[in-house]
Amino acid sequence: MNTDDLLAKLTPGKQIPDFSMDVKSWLPEFKVAAESDDTLISYFLKTPYLTSVTTGAKWLVLGRKGTGKTAIYEYLKSSSPEQLLNQNTVCLNFRDYPWPIHKLYKEGMEGELTAYQKSWQYIIIVQALAKLIEVSERVGGLSKPLDQAKKVLQKVYGNPFPSLLEVIKSKAVRLSNLALPSADLGDLLELQSGEIAFEEIAADVALATKLRTNAFSLLNYFEGVLLANSKGNRFLVCLDQLDENWLPGQTQEYSKILVNLILAAQHLNNSSKHKSILRTVVFLRTDIHETLSFNRNDSV
């Protein structure tokens, strides 16, 4: 049996490429960047690397620019839970991320290893909870705790399914009353009127402290709701394009942010209470990862 006959048996009803022709005449026209290729999933080749991510064996995807990290990210983003071992994906792209705002969430205690880690957990947990609410609404409705959490998300972020920017630019700094949880959401959250600019918060220690206090109180509440109401739902939170939009001269500070992202992901992925519900996958360029220092004094 020749090659063409074998291919015809393996792919009945499909046109077999003429391999005697120039390969460029039948290969698809690939885009330069995976994130701009809408047809990626139709010709994506599943590899052991993808399997190791979806099964939980690996959660840190490293590679030099152009080696296929974002192709894996885009595949995960466009795949259904059934294609990913019943995991719901939450894909966060940091291409336009306002990194200076992230610094407002850094706790001021010198030497504390969790200085940036809580801010990463805050982003990850909020996004996973919003996805849980979306999935639960679609398949049968919200329990009372999830319905309450949806109202909190709406009030704090202006959207029950907040984008990455809406979470990090939240109105948490304007909360005047934060008694969580409560059955009466009218008294649960009170927002002062008027917006507060990033520059104002950055210049005011009291405002920055209030932002962190409120945001991390919300983190504890959201995390509790997520863990208690997942009901078998599992979530894969993927973070990509983490090397974008850095300001000149801020490499050392950004390195600390990334170190603590990896430590936060490691904590969540290894935690006995999280790992059956939530996994975080970090996509990062190898050359950037090689510059990161995980010494105790650098992880603050």
C-alpha atoms as a PDB file:
ATOM      1  CA  MET A   1       0.000   0.000   0.000  1.00  0.00           C
ATOM      2  CA  ASN A   2       1.483   3.362  -1.008  1.00  0.00           C
ATOM      3  CA  THR A   3       1.455   6.532   1.102  1.00  0.00           C
ATOM      4  CA  ASP A   4      -1.551   8.055  -0.684  1.00  0.00           C
ATOM      5  CA  ASP A   5      -3.650   4.910  -0.167  1.00  0.00           C
ATOM      6  CA  LEU A   6      -2.714   4.827   3.513  1.00  0.00           C
ATOM      7  CA  LEU A   7      -3.620   8.494   4.008  1.00  0.00           C
ATOM      8  CA  ALA A   8      -6.942   7.936   2.243  1.00  0.00           C
ATOM      9  CA  LYS A   9      -7.773   5.134   4.674  1.00  0.00           C
ATOM     10  CA  LEU A  10      -6.767   7.240   7.680  1.00  0.00           C
ATOM     11  CA  THR A  11      -8.650  10.349   6.518  1.00  0.00           C
ATOM     12  CA  PRO A  12     -11.741   9.112   4.614  1.00  0.00           C
ATOM     13  CA  GLY A  13     -13.636  11.789   2.723  1.00  0.00           C
ATOM     14  CA  LYS A  14     -10.853  14.361   3.053  1.00  0.00           C
ATOM     15  CA  GLN A  15      -8.749  15.700   0.219  1.00  0.00           C
ATOM     16  CA  ILE A  16      -5.194  14.445   0.481  1.00  0.00           C
ATOM     17  CA  PRO A  17      -2.466  17.024  -0.248  1.00  0.00           C
ATOM     18  CA  ASP A  18      -0.258  16.308  -3.247  1.00  0.00           C
ATOM     19  CA  PHE A  19       3.098  15.939  -1.531  1.00  0.00           C
ATOM     20  CA  SER A  20       4.913  16.210  -4.842  1.00  0.00           C
ATOM     21  CA  MET A  21       3.859  19.849  -4.988  1.00  0.00           C
ATOM     22  CA  ASP A  22       5.651  22.730  -3.334  1.00  0.00           C
ATOM     23  CA  VAL A  23       4.764  22.485   0.369  1.00  0.00           C
ATOM     24  CA  LYS A  24       3.874  26.198   0.424  1.00  0.00           C
ATOM     25  CA  SER A  25       1.004  25.557  -2.002  1.00  0.00           C
ATOM     26  CA  TRP A  26      -1.031  23.491   0.480  1.00  0.00           C
ATOM     27  CA  LEU A  27       0.168  24.562   3.929  1.00  0.00           C
ATOM     28  CA  PRO A  28      -2.026  27.234   5.564  1.00  0.00           C
ATOM     29  CA  GLU A  29      -0.714  30.771   5.595  1.00  0.00           C
ATOM     30  CA  PHE A  30       0.432  31.196   9.164  1.00  0.00           C
ATOM     31  CA  LYS A  31       0.313  34.571  10.866  1.00  0.00           C
ATOM     32  CA  VAL A  32       3.502  35.999  12.339  1.00  0.00           C
ATOM     33  CA  ALA A  33       2.013  36.126  15.858  1.00  0.00           C
ATOM     34  CA  ALA A  34      -0.238  33.425  17.297  1.00  0.00           C
ATOM     35  CA  GLU A  35      -2.493  35.943  19.047  1.00  0.00           C
ATOM     36  CA  SER A  36      -3.467  37.448  15.674  1.00  0.00           C
ATOM     37  CA  ASP A  37      -4.296  34.112  13.994  1.00  0.00           C
ATOM     38  CA  ASP A  38      -8.049  33.408  14.193  1.00  0.00           C
ATOM     39  CA  THR A  39      -7.686  29.968  12.561  1.00  0.00           C
ATOM     40  CA  LEU A  40      -5.008  28.682  14.924  1.00  0.00           C
ATOM     41  CA  ILE A  41      -7.157  26.035  16.602  1.00  0.00           C
ATOM     42  CA  SER A  42      -8.009  24.423  13.237  1.00  0.00           C
ATOM     43  CA  TYR A  43      -4.418  23.368  12.599  1.00  0.00           C
ATOM     44  CA  PHE A  44      -2.998  23.342  16.123  1.00  0.00           C
ATOM     45  CA  LEU A  45      -0.838  20.268  16.734  1.00  0.00           C
ATOM     46  CA  LYS A  46      -1.296  18.859  20.217  1.00  0.00           C
ATOM     47  CA  THR A  47       2.057  18.074  21.781  1.00  0.00           C
ATOM     48  CA  PRO A  48       3.266  16.588  25.074  1.00  0.00           C
ATOM     49  CA  TYR A  49       3.849  20.174  26.246  1.00  0.00           C
ATOM     50  CA  LEU A  50       0.138  20.958  25.947  1.00  0.00           C
ATOM     51  CA  THR A  51      -0.765  17.693  27.665  1.00  0.00           C
ATOM     52  CA  SER A  52       1.533  18.469  30.585  1.00  0.00           C
ATOM     53  CA  VAL A  53      -0.237  21.810  31.049  1.00  0.00           C
ATOM     54  CA  THR A  54      -3.790  20.483  30.836  1.00  0.00           C
ATOM     55  CA  THR A  55      -3.125  17.530  33.149  1.00  0.00           C
ATOM     56  CA  GLY A  56      -1.483  19.690  35.793  1.00  0.00           C
ATOM     57  CA  ALA A  57       2.016  18.260  35.463  1.00  0.00           C
ATOM     58  CA  LYS A  58       3.439  21.660  34.463  1.00  0.00           C
ATOM     59  CA  TRP A  59       2.282  25.206  35.148  1.00  0.00           C
ATOM     60  CA  LEU A  60       5.271  27.387  34.145  1.00  0.00           C
ATOM     61  CA  VAL A  61       5.628  27.607  30.345  1.00  0.00           C
ATOM     62  CA  LEU A  62       9.025  28.976  29.328  1.00  0.00           C
ATOM     63  CA  GLY A  63      10.362  29.657  25.857  1.00  0.00           C
ATOM     64  CA  ARG A  64      12.169  32.255  23.854  1.00  0.00           C
ATOM     65  CA  LYS A  65      10.186  34.689  21.738  1.00  0.00           C
ATOM     66  CA  GLY A  66       8.547  32.918  18.810  1.00  0.00           C
ATOM     67  CA  THR A  67       8.814  29.373  20.169  1.00  0.00           C
ATOM     68  CA  GLY A  68       5.071  28.803  20.558  1.00  0.00           C
ATOM     69  CA  LYS A  69       4.129  29.875  24.090  1.00  0.00           C
ATOM     70  CA  THR A  70       1.344  32.148  22.932  1.00  0.00           C
ATOM     71  CA  ALA A  71       0.126  29.483  20.489  1.00  0.00           C
ATOM     72  CA  ILE A  72      -0.506  27.198  23.480  1.00  0.00           C
ATOM     73  CA  TYR A  73      -2.137  30.096  25.348  1.00  0.00           C
ATOM     74  CA  GLU A  74      -4.430  30.860  22.391  1.00  0.00           C
ATOM     75  CA  TYR A  75      -5.367  27.189  22.055  1.00  0.00           C
ATOM     76  CA  LEU A  76      -6.327  27.045  25.739  1.00  0.00           C
ATOM     77  CA  LYS A  77      -8.282  30.286  25.373  1.00  0.00           C
ATOM     78  CA  SER A  78     -10.368  29.009  22.450  1.00  0.00           C
ATOM     79  CA  SER A  79     -10.916  25.437  23.672  1.00  0.00           C
ATOM     80  CA  SER A  80     -14.035  24.137  25.389  1.00  0.00           C
ATOM     81  CA  PRO A  81     -13.900  22.581  28.869  1.00  0.00           C
ATOM     82  CA  GLU A  82     -14.507  19.172  27.255  1.00  0.00           C
ATOM     83  CA  GLN A  83     -11.269  19.567  25.296  1.00  0.00           C
ATOM     84  CA  LEU A  84      -9.347  20.444  28.477  1.00  0.00           C
ATOM     85  CA  LEU A  85     -10.313  17.681  30.894  1.00  0.00           C
ATOM     86  CA  ASN A  86     -13.400  19.659  32.011  1.00  0.00           C
ATOM     87  CA  GLN A  87     -11.453  22.750  32.990  1.00  0.00           C
ATOM     88  CA  ASN A  88     -12.818  26.248  32.355  1.00  0.00           C
ATOM     89  CA  THR A  89     -10.126  28.581  31.100  1.00  0.00           C
ATOM     90  CA  VAL A  90      -9.640  32.168  32.246  1.00  0.00           C
ATOM     91  CA  CYS A  91      -7.042  33.744  29.955  1.00  0.00           C
ATOM     92  CA  LEU A  92      -5.448  37.032  30.993  1.00  0.00           C
ATOM     93  CA  ASN A  93      -3.352  38.990  28.499  1.00  0.00           C
ATOM     94  CA  PHE A  94      -0.988  41.553  29.994  1.00  0.00           C
ATOM     95  CA  ARG A  95      -0.043  43.295  26.756  1.00  0.00           C
ATOM     96  CA  ASP A  96      -1.697  46.574  27.832  1.00  0.00           C
ATOM     97  CA  TYR A  97      -1.397  46.070  31.571  1.00  0.00           C
ATOM     98  CA  PRO A  98      -0.700  49.226  33.641  1.00  0.00           C
ATOM     99  CA  TRP A  99       2.210  47.857  35.661  1.00  0.00           C
ATOM    100  CA  PRO A 100       2.670  50.992  37.843  1.00  0.00           C
ATOM    101  CA  ILE A 101      -0.839  50.468  39.276  1.00  0.00           C
ATOM    102  CA  HIS A 102       0.163  47.005  40.441  1.00  0.00           C
ATOM    103  CA  LYS A 103       2.754  48.627  42.708  1.00  0.00           C
ATOM    104  CA  LEU A 104      -0.043  50.268  44.726  1.00  0.00           C
ATOM    105  CA  TYR A 105      -0.985  46.833  46.047  1.00  0.00           C
ATOM    106  CA  LYS A 106       2.497  46.157  47.401  1.00  0.00           C
ATOM    107  CA  GLU A 107       2.404  45.880  51.160  1.00  0.00           C
ATOM    108  CA  GLY A 108       4.843  48.126  52.984  1.00  0.00           C
ATOM    109  CA  MET A 109       6.224  45.673  55.538  1.00  0.00           C
ATOM    110  CA  GLU A 110       9.931  45.391  54.838  1.00  0.00           C
ATOM    111  CA  GLY A 111      11.107  41.846  54.302  1.00  0.00           C
ATOM    112  CA  GLU A 112       7.624  40.319  53.943  1.00  0.00           C
ATOM    113  CA  LEU A 113       7.727  37.622  51.268  1.00  0.00           C
ATOM    114  CA  THR A 114       4.075  38.078  50.326  1.00  0.00           C
ATOM    115  CA  ALA A 115       4.361  41.752  49.409  1.00  0.00           C
ATOM    116  CA  TYR A 116       3.234  41.279  45.800  1.00  0.00           C
ATOM    117  CA  GLN A 117       1.860  37.761  46.102  1.00  0.00           C
ATOM    118  CA  LYS A 118      -1.455  38.832  47.620  1.00  0.00           C
ATOM    119  CA  SER A 119      -2.046  41.226  44.741  1.00  0.00           C
ATOM    120  CA  TRP A 120      -1.557  38.385  42.254  1.00  0.00           C
ATOM    121  CA  GLN A 121      -3.860  36.125  44.254  1.00  0.00           C
ATOM    122  CA  TYR A 122      -6.401  38.962  44.283  1.00  0.00           C
ATOM    123  CA  ILE A 123      -6.417  39.119  40.464  1.00  0.00           C
ATOM    124  CA  ILE A 124      -6.490  35.340  40.009  1.00  0.00           C
ATOM    125  CA  ILE A 125      -9.247  34.656  42.564  1.00  0.00           C
ATOM    126  CA  VAL A 126     -11.515  37.466  41.320  1.00  0.00           C
ATOM    127  CA  GLN A 127     -11.236  36.245  37.732  1.00  0.00           C
ATOM    128  CA  ALA A 128     -11.864  32.607  38.707  1.00  0.00           C
ATOM    129  CA  LEU A 129     -14.911  33.547  40.797  1.00  0.00           C
ATOM    130  CA  ALA A 130     -16.372  35.623  37.960  1.00  0.00           C
ATOM    131  CA  LYS A 131     -15.940  32.605  35.670  1.00  0.00           C
ATOM    132  CA  LEU A 132     -17.648  30.340  38.222  1.00  0.00           C
ATOM    133  CA  ILE A 133     -20.622  32.726  38.340  1.00  0.00           C
ATOM    134  CA  GLU A 134     -20.773  32.794  34.526  1.00  0.00           C
ATOM    135  CA  VAL A 135     -20.674  28.977  34.287  1.00  0.00           C
ATOM    136  CA  SER A 136     -23.213  28.505  37.095  1.00  0.00           C
ATOM    137  CA  GLU A 137     -25.686  30.919  35.525  1.00  0.00           C
ATOM    138  CA  ARG A 138     -25.416  29.095  32.231  1.00  0.00           C
ATOM    139  CA  VAL A 139     -26.092  25.613  33.608  1.00  0.00           C
ATOM    140  CA  GLY A 140     -28.785  26.164  36.201  1.00  0.00           C
ATOM    141  CA  GLY A 141     -28.690  29.370  38.220  1.00  0.00           C
ATOM    142  CA  LEU A 142     -26.838  30.864  41.162  1.00  0.00           C
ATOM    143  CA  SER A 143     -26.827  29.777  44.756  1.00  0.00           C
ATOM    144  CA  LYS A 144     -27.398  32.538  47.310  1.00  0.00           C
ATOM    145  CA  PRO A 145     -23.639  32.971  48.069  1.00  0.00           C
ATOM    146  CA  LEU A 146     -22.826  33.237  44.352  1.00  0.00           C
ATOM    147  CA  ASP A 147     -25.674  35.673  43.774  1.00  0.00           C
ATOM    148  CA  GLN A 148     -24.353  37.832  46.612  1.00  0.00           C
ATOM    149  CA  ALA A 149     -20.820  37.642  45.227  1.00  0.00           C
ATOM    150  CA  LYS A 150     -22.084  38.720  41.805  1.00  0.00           C
ATOM    151  CA  LYS A 151     -23.656  41.822  43.362  1.00  0.00           C
ATOM    152  CA  VAL A 152     -20.389  42.619  45.149  1.00  0.00           C
ATOM    153  CA  LEU A 153     -18.448  42.268  41.890  1.00  0.00           C
ATOM    154  CA  GLN A 154     -20.918  44.583  40.164  1.00  0.00           C
ATOM    155  CA  LYS A 155     -20.659  47.192  42.888  1.00  0.00           C
ATOM    156  CA  VAL A 156     -16.884  47.162  43.295  1.00  0.00           C
ATOM    157  CA  TYR A 157     -15.830  46.813  39.658  1.00  0.00           C
ATOM    158  CA  GLY A 158     -18.890  48.101  37.799  1.00  0.00           C
ATOM    159  CA  ASN A 159     -19.179  44.708  36.096  1.00  0.00           C
ATOM    160  CA  PRO A 160     -20.031  41.245  37.488  1.00  0.00           C
ATOM    161  CA  PHE A 161     -17.538  39.793  35.002  1.00  0.00           C
ATOM    162  CA  PRO A 162     -14.716  42.331  35.322  1.00  0.00           C
ATOM    163  CA  SER A 163     -11.842  42.533  32.889  1.00  0.00           C
ATOM    164  CA  LEU A 164      -8.254  42.442  34.092  1.00  0.00           C
ATOM    165  CA  LEU A 165      -8.053  46.241  33.992  1.00  0.00           C
ATOM    166  CA  GLU A 166     -11.348  46.649  35.856  1.00  0.00           C
ATOM    167  CA  VAL A 167     -10.048  44.461  38.685  1.00  0.00           C
ATOM    168  CA  ILE A 168      -6.744  46.232  39.136  1.00  0.00           C
ATOM    169  CA  LYS A 169      -8.380  49.677  38.723  1.00  0.00           C
ATOM    170  CA  SER A 170     -11.185  48.754  41.109  1.00  0.00           C
ATOM    171  CA  LYS A 171     -13.101  51.145  43.323  1.00  0.00           C
ATOM    172  CA  ALA A 172     -11.909  49.302  46.417  1.00  0.00           C
ATOM    173  CA  VAL A 173     -10.116  52.443  47.569  1.00  0.00           C
ATOM    174  CA  ARG A 174     -13.495  54.207  47.804  1.00  0.00           C
ATOM    175  CA  LEU A 175     -15.183  51.643  50.039  1.00  0.00           C
ATOM    176  CA  SER A 176     -16.251  53.216  53.306  1.00  0.00           C
ATOM    177  CA  ASN A 177     -17.923  50.170  54.810  1.00  0.00           C
ATOM    178  CA  LEU A 178     -16.660  46.658  54.250  1.00  0.00           C
ATOM    179  CA  ALA A 179     -18.402  44.181  56.568  1.00  0.00           C
ATOM    180  CA  LEU A 180     -18.046  40.922  54.660  1.00  0.00           C
ATOM    181  CA  PRO A 181     -20.010  38.757  54.240  1.00  0.00           C
ATOM    182  CA  SER A 182     -23.516  40.045  54.827  1.00  0.00           C
ATOM    183  CA  ALA A 183     -27.001  39.097  53.679  1.00  0.00           C
ATOM    184  CA  ASP A 184     -27.947  42.728  53.187  1.00  0.00           C
ATOM    185  CA  LEU A 185     -25.742  43.983  50.386  1.00  0.00           C
ATOM    186  CA  GLY A 186     -27.236  47.424  50.682  1.00  0.00           C
ATOM    187  CA  ASP A 187     -25.246  47.831  53.887  1.00  0.00           C
ATOM    188  CA  LEU A 188     -22.402  45.610  52.794  1.00  0.00           C
ATOM    189  CA  LEU A 189     -20.615  48.107  50.601  1.00  0.00           C
ATOM    190  CA  GLU A 190     -20.834  51.851  50.659  1.00  0.00           C
ATOM    191  CA  LEU A 191     -18.994  53.779  47.959  1.00  0.00           C
ATOM    192  CA  GLN A 192     -17.957  57.358  48.341  1.00  0.00           C
ATOM    193  CA  SER A 193     -18.809  59.513  45.347  1.00  0.00           C
ATOM    194  CA  GLY A 194     -16.215  60.639  42.840  1.00  0.00           C
ATOM    195  CA  GLU A 195     -13.293  58.882  41.227  1.00  0.00           C
ATOM    196  CA  ILE A 196      -9.782  58.823  42.665  1.00  0.00           C
ATOM    197  CA  ALA A 197      -6.957  59.013  40.153  1.00  0.00           C
ATOM    198  CA  PHE A 198      -3.998  56.665  40.222  1.00  0.00           C
ATOM    199  CA  GLU A 199      -1.661  59.597  40.844  1.00  0.00           C
ATOM    200  CA  GLU A 200      -3.650  60.637  43.925  1.00  0.00           C
ATOM    201  CA  ILE A 201      -3.475  57.164  45.442  1.00  0.00           C
ATOM    202  CA  ALA A 202       0.223  56.805  44.657  1.00  0.00           C
ATOM    203  CA  ALA A 203       0.954  60.097  46.404  1.00  0.00           C
ATOM    204  CA  ASP A 204      -1.188  59.425  49.490  1.00  0.00           C
ATOM    205  CA  VAL A 205      -0.011  56.706  51.892  1.00  0.00           C
ATOM    206  CA  ALA A 206      -3.382  56.578  53.637  1.00  0.00           C
ATOM    207  CA  LEU A 207      -5.270  56.025  50.371  1.00  0.00           C
ATOM    208  CA  ALA A 208      -2.815  53.335  49.253  1.00  0.00           C
ATOM    209  CA  THR A 209      -3.163  51.585  52.608  1.00  0.00           C
ATOM    210  CA  LYS A 210      -6.955  51.732  52.343  1.00  0.00           C
ATOM    211  CA  LEU A 211      -6.830  50.278  48.829  1.00  0.00           C
ATOM    212  CA  ARG A 212      -4.755  47.316  50.000  1.00  0.00           C
ATOM    213  CA  THR A 213      -6.862  46.749  53.125  1.00  0.00           C
ATOM    214  CA  ASN A 214     -10.141  46.745  51.212  1.00  0.00           C
ATOM    215  CA  ALA A 215      -8.814  44.737  48.266  1.00  0.00           C
ATOM    216  CA  PHE A 216      -7.346  42.035  50.476  1.00  0.00           C
ATOM    217  CA  SER A 217     -10.517  41.865  52.583  1.00  0.00           C
ATOM    218  CA  LEU A 218     -12.384  41.302  49.328  1.00  0.00           C
ATOM    219  CA  LEU A 219      -9.796  38.646  48.427  1.00  0.00           C
ATOM    220  CA  ASN A 220     -10.595  36.681  51.576  1.00  0.00           C
ATOM    221  CA  TYR A 221     -14.333  36.932  50.927  1.00  0.00           C
ATOM    222  CA  PHE A 222     -14.120  36.007  47.228  1.00  0.00           C
ATOM    223  CA  GLU A 223     -11.763  33.121  47.932  1.00  0.00           C
ATOM    224  CA  GLY A 224     -14.154  31.693  50.527  1.00  0.00           C
ATOM    225  CA  VAL A 225     -17.090  31.884  48.101  1.00  0.00           C
ATOM    226  CA  LEU A 226     -15.067  30.270  45.306  1.00  0.00           C
ATOM    227  CA  LEU A 227     -13.867  27.355  47.419  1.00  0.00           C
ATOM    228  CA  ALA A 228     -17.259  26.681  49.011  1.00  0.00           C
ATOM    229  CA  ASN A 229     -19.337  26.871  45.827  1.00  0.00           C
ATOM    230  CA  SER A 230     -17.217  25.389  43.039  1.00  0.00           C
ATOM    231  CA  LYS A 231     -19.364  22.190  42.983  1.00  0.00           C
ATOM    232  CA  GLY A 232     -16.968  20.228  40.818  1.00  0.00           C
ATOM    233  CA  ASN A 233     -16.097  23.105  38.487  1.00  0.00           C
ATOM    234  CA  ARG A 234     -12.380  23.491  37.793  1.00  0.00           C
ATOM    235  CA  PHE A 235     -10.567  26.548  36.477  1.00  0.00           C
ATOM    236  CA  LEU A 236      -7.348  27.063  34.541  1.00  0.00           C
ATOM    237  CA  VAL A 237      -6.126  30.664  34.858  1.00  0.00           C
ATOM    238  CA  CYS A 238      -3.522  31.478  32.190  1.00  0.00           C
ATOM    239  CA  LEU A 239      -1.330  34.600  32.183  1.00  0.00           C
ATOM    240  CA  ASP A 240       0.538  35.631  29.024  1.00  0.00           C
ATOM    241  CA  GLN A 241       2.375  38.617  27.499  1.00  0.00           C
ATOM    242  CA  LEU A 242       3.962  39.403  30.860  1.00  0.00           C
ATOM    243  CA  ASP A 243       6.937  41.107  29.225  1.00  0.00           C
ATOM    244  CA  GLU A 244       4.872  43.855  27.579  1.00  0.00           C
ATOM    245  CA  ASN A 245       4.514  47.564  28.363  1.00  0.00           C
ATOM    246  CA  TRP A 246       7.379  47.814  30.848  1.00  0.00           C
ATOM    247  CA  LEU A 247       8.603  51.334  31.562  1.00  0.00           C
ATOM    248  CA  PRO A 248      12.308  52.117  31.056  1.00  0.00           C
ATOM    249  CA  GLY A 249      14.369  51.899  34.225  1.00  0.00           C
ATOM    250  CA  GLN A 250      11.810  49.757  36.076  1.00  0.00           C
ATOM    251  CA  THR A 251      13.208  46.311  35.250  1.00  0.00           C
ATOM    252  CA  GLN A 252      14.284  45.560  38.821  1.00  0.00           C
ATOM    253  CA  GLU A 253      10.833  46.382  40.228  1.00  0.00           C
ATOM    254  CA  TYR A 254       9.058  44.404  37.506  1.00  0.00           C
ATOM    255  CA  SER A 255      11.348  41.464  38.223  1.00  0.00           C
ATOM    256  CA  LYS A 256      10.130  41.454  41.821  1.00  0.00           C
ATOM    257  CA  ILE A 257       6.544  41.518  40.575  1.00  0.00           C
ATOM    258  CA  LEU A 258       7.177  38.520  38.318  1.00  0.00           C
ATOM    259  CA  VAL A 259       9.044  36.590  41.018  1.00  0.00           C
ATOM    260  CA  ASN A 260       6.058  36.965  43.279  1.00  0.00           C
ATOM    261  CA  LEU A 261       3.650  35.989  40.497  1.00  0.00           C
ATOM    262  CA  ILE A 262       5.526  32.697  40.144  1.00  0.00           C
ATOM    263  CA  LEU A 263       5.538  32.220  43.922  1.00  0.00           C
ATOM    264  CA  ALA A 264       1.809  33.014  44.102  1.00  0.00           C
ATOM    265  CA  ALA A 265       1.078  30.516  41.314  1.00  0.00           C
ATOM    266  CA  GLN A 266       3.205  27.910  43.072  1.00  0.00           C
ATOM    267  CA  HIS A 267       1.314  28.492  46.316  1.00  0.00           C
ATOM    268  CA  LEU A 268      -2.117  28.197  44.699  1.00  0.00           C
ATOM    269  CA  ASN A 269      -1.165  25.164  42.614  1.00  0.00           C
ATOM    270  CA  ASN A 270       0.310  23.292  45.590  1.00  0.00           C
ATOM    271  CA  SER A 271      -2.291  24.301  48.167  1.00  0.00           C
ATOM    272  CA  SER A 272      -4.480  21.385  49.214  1.00  0.00           C
ATOM    273  CA  LYS A 273      -7.587  23.598  49.311  1.00  0.00           C
ATOM    274  CA  HIS A 274      -7.025  25.159  45.881  1.00  0.00           C
ATOM    275  CA  LYS A 275      -5.430  22.588  43.603  1.00  0.00           C
ATOM    276  CA  SER A 276      -8.561  20.522  42.946  1.00  0.00           C
ATOM    277  CA  ILE A 277     -10.435  23.681  41.898  1.00  0.00           C
ATOM    278  CA  LEU A 278      -7.951  26.205  40.582  1.00  0.00           C
ATOM    279  CA  ARG A 279      -4.666  26.060  38.699  1.00  0.00           C
ATOM    280  CA  THR A 280      -2.573  28.961  37.480  1.00  0.00           C
ATOM    281  CA  VAL A 281      -0.383  28.675  34.372  1.00  0.00           C
ATOM    282  CA  VAL A 282       2.272  31.327  33.743  1.00  0.00           C
ATOM    283  CA  PHE A 283       3.720  31.929  30.258  1.00  0.00           C
ATOM    284  CA  LEU A 284       7.085  33.684  30.352  1.00  0.00           C
ATOM    285  CA  ARG A 285      10.050  34.283  28.085  1.00  0.00           C
ATOM    286  CA  THR A 286      13.089  32.198  28.993  1.00  0.00           C
ATOM    287  CA  ASP A 287      15.471  35.155  28.826  1.00  0.00           C
ATOM    288  CA  ILE A 288      13.345  37.065  31.354  1.00  0.00           C
ATOM    289  CA  HIS A 289      12.982  34.062  33.672  1.00  0.00           C
ATOM    290  CA  GLU A 290      16.764  33.621  33.674  1.00  0.00           C
ATOM    291  CA  THR A 291      17.188  37.146  35.072  1.00  0.00           C
ATOM    292  CA  LEU A 292      14.815  36.576  38.005  1.00  0.00           C
ATOM    293  CA  SER A 293      16.265  36.052  41.435  1.00  0.00           C
ATOM    294  CA  PHE A 294      14.384  33.900  43.907  1.00  0.00           C
ATOM    295  CA  ASN A 295      16.598  34.692  46.881  1.00  0.00           C
ATOM    296  CA  ARG A 296      14.695  35.536  50.034  1.00  0.00           C
ATOM    297  CA  ASN A 297      15.611  39.214  49.901  1.00  0.00           C
ATOM    298  CA  ASP A 298      14.395  39.558  46.308  1.00  0.00           C
ATOM    299  CA  SER A 299      10.952  38.045  46.864  1.00  0.00           C
ATOM    300  CA  VAL A 300       9.385  41.094  48.457  1.00  0.00           C
END
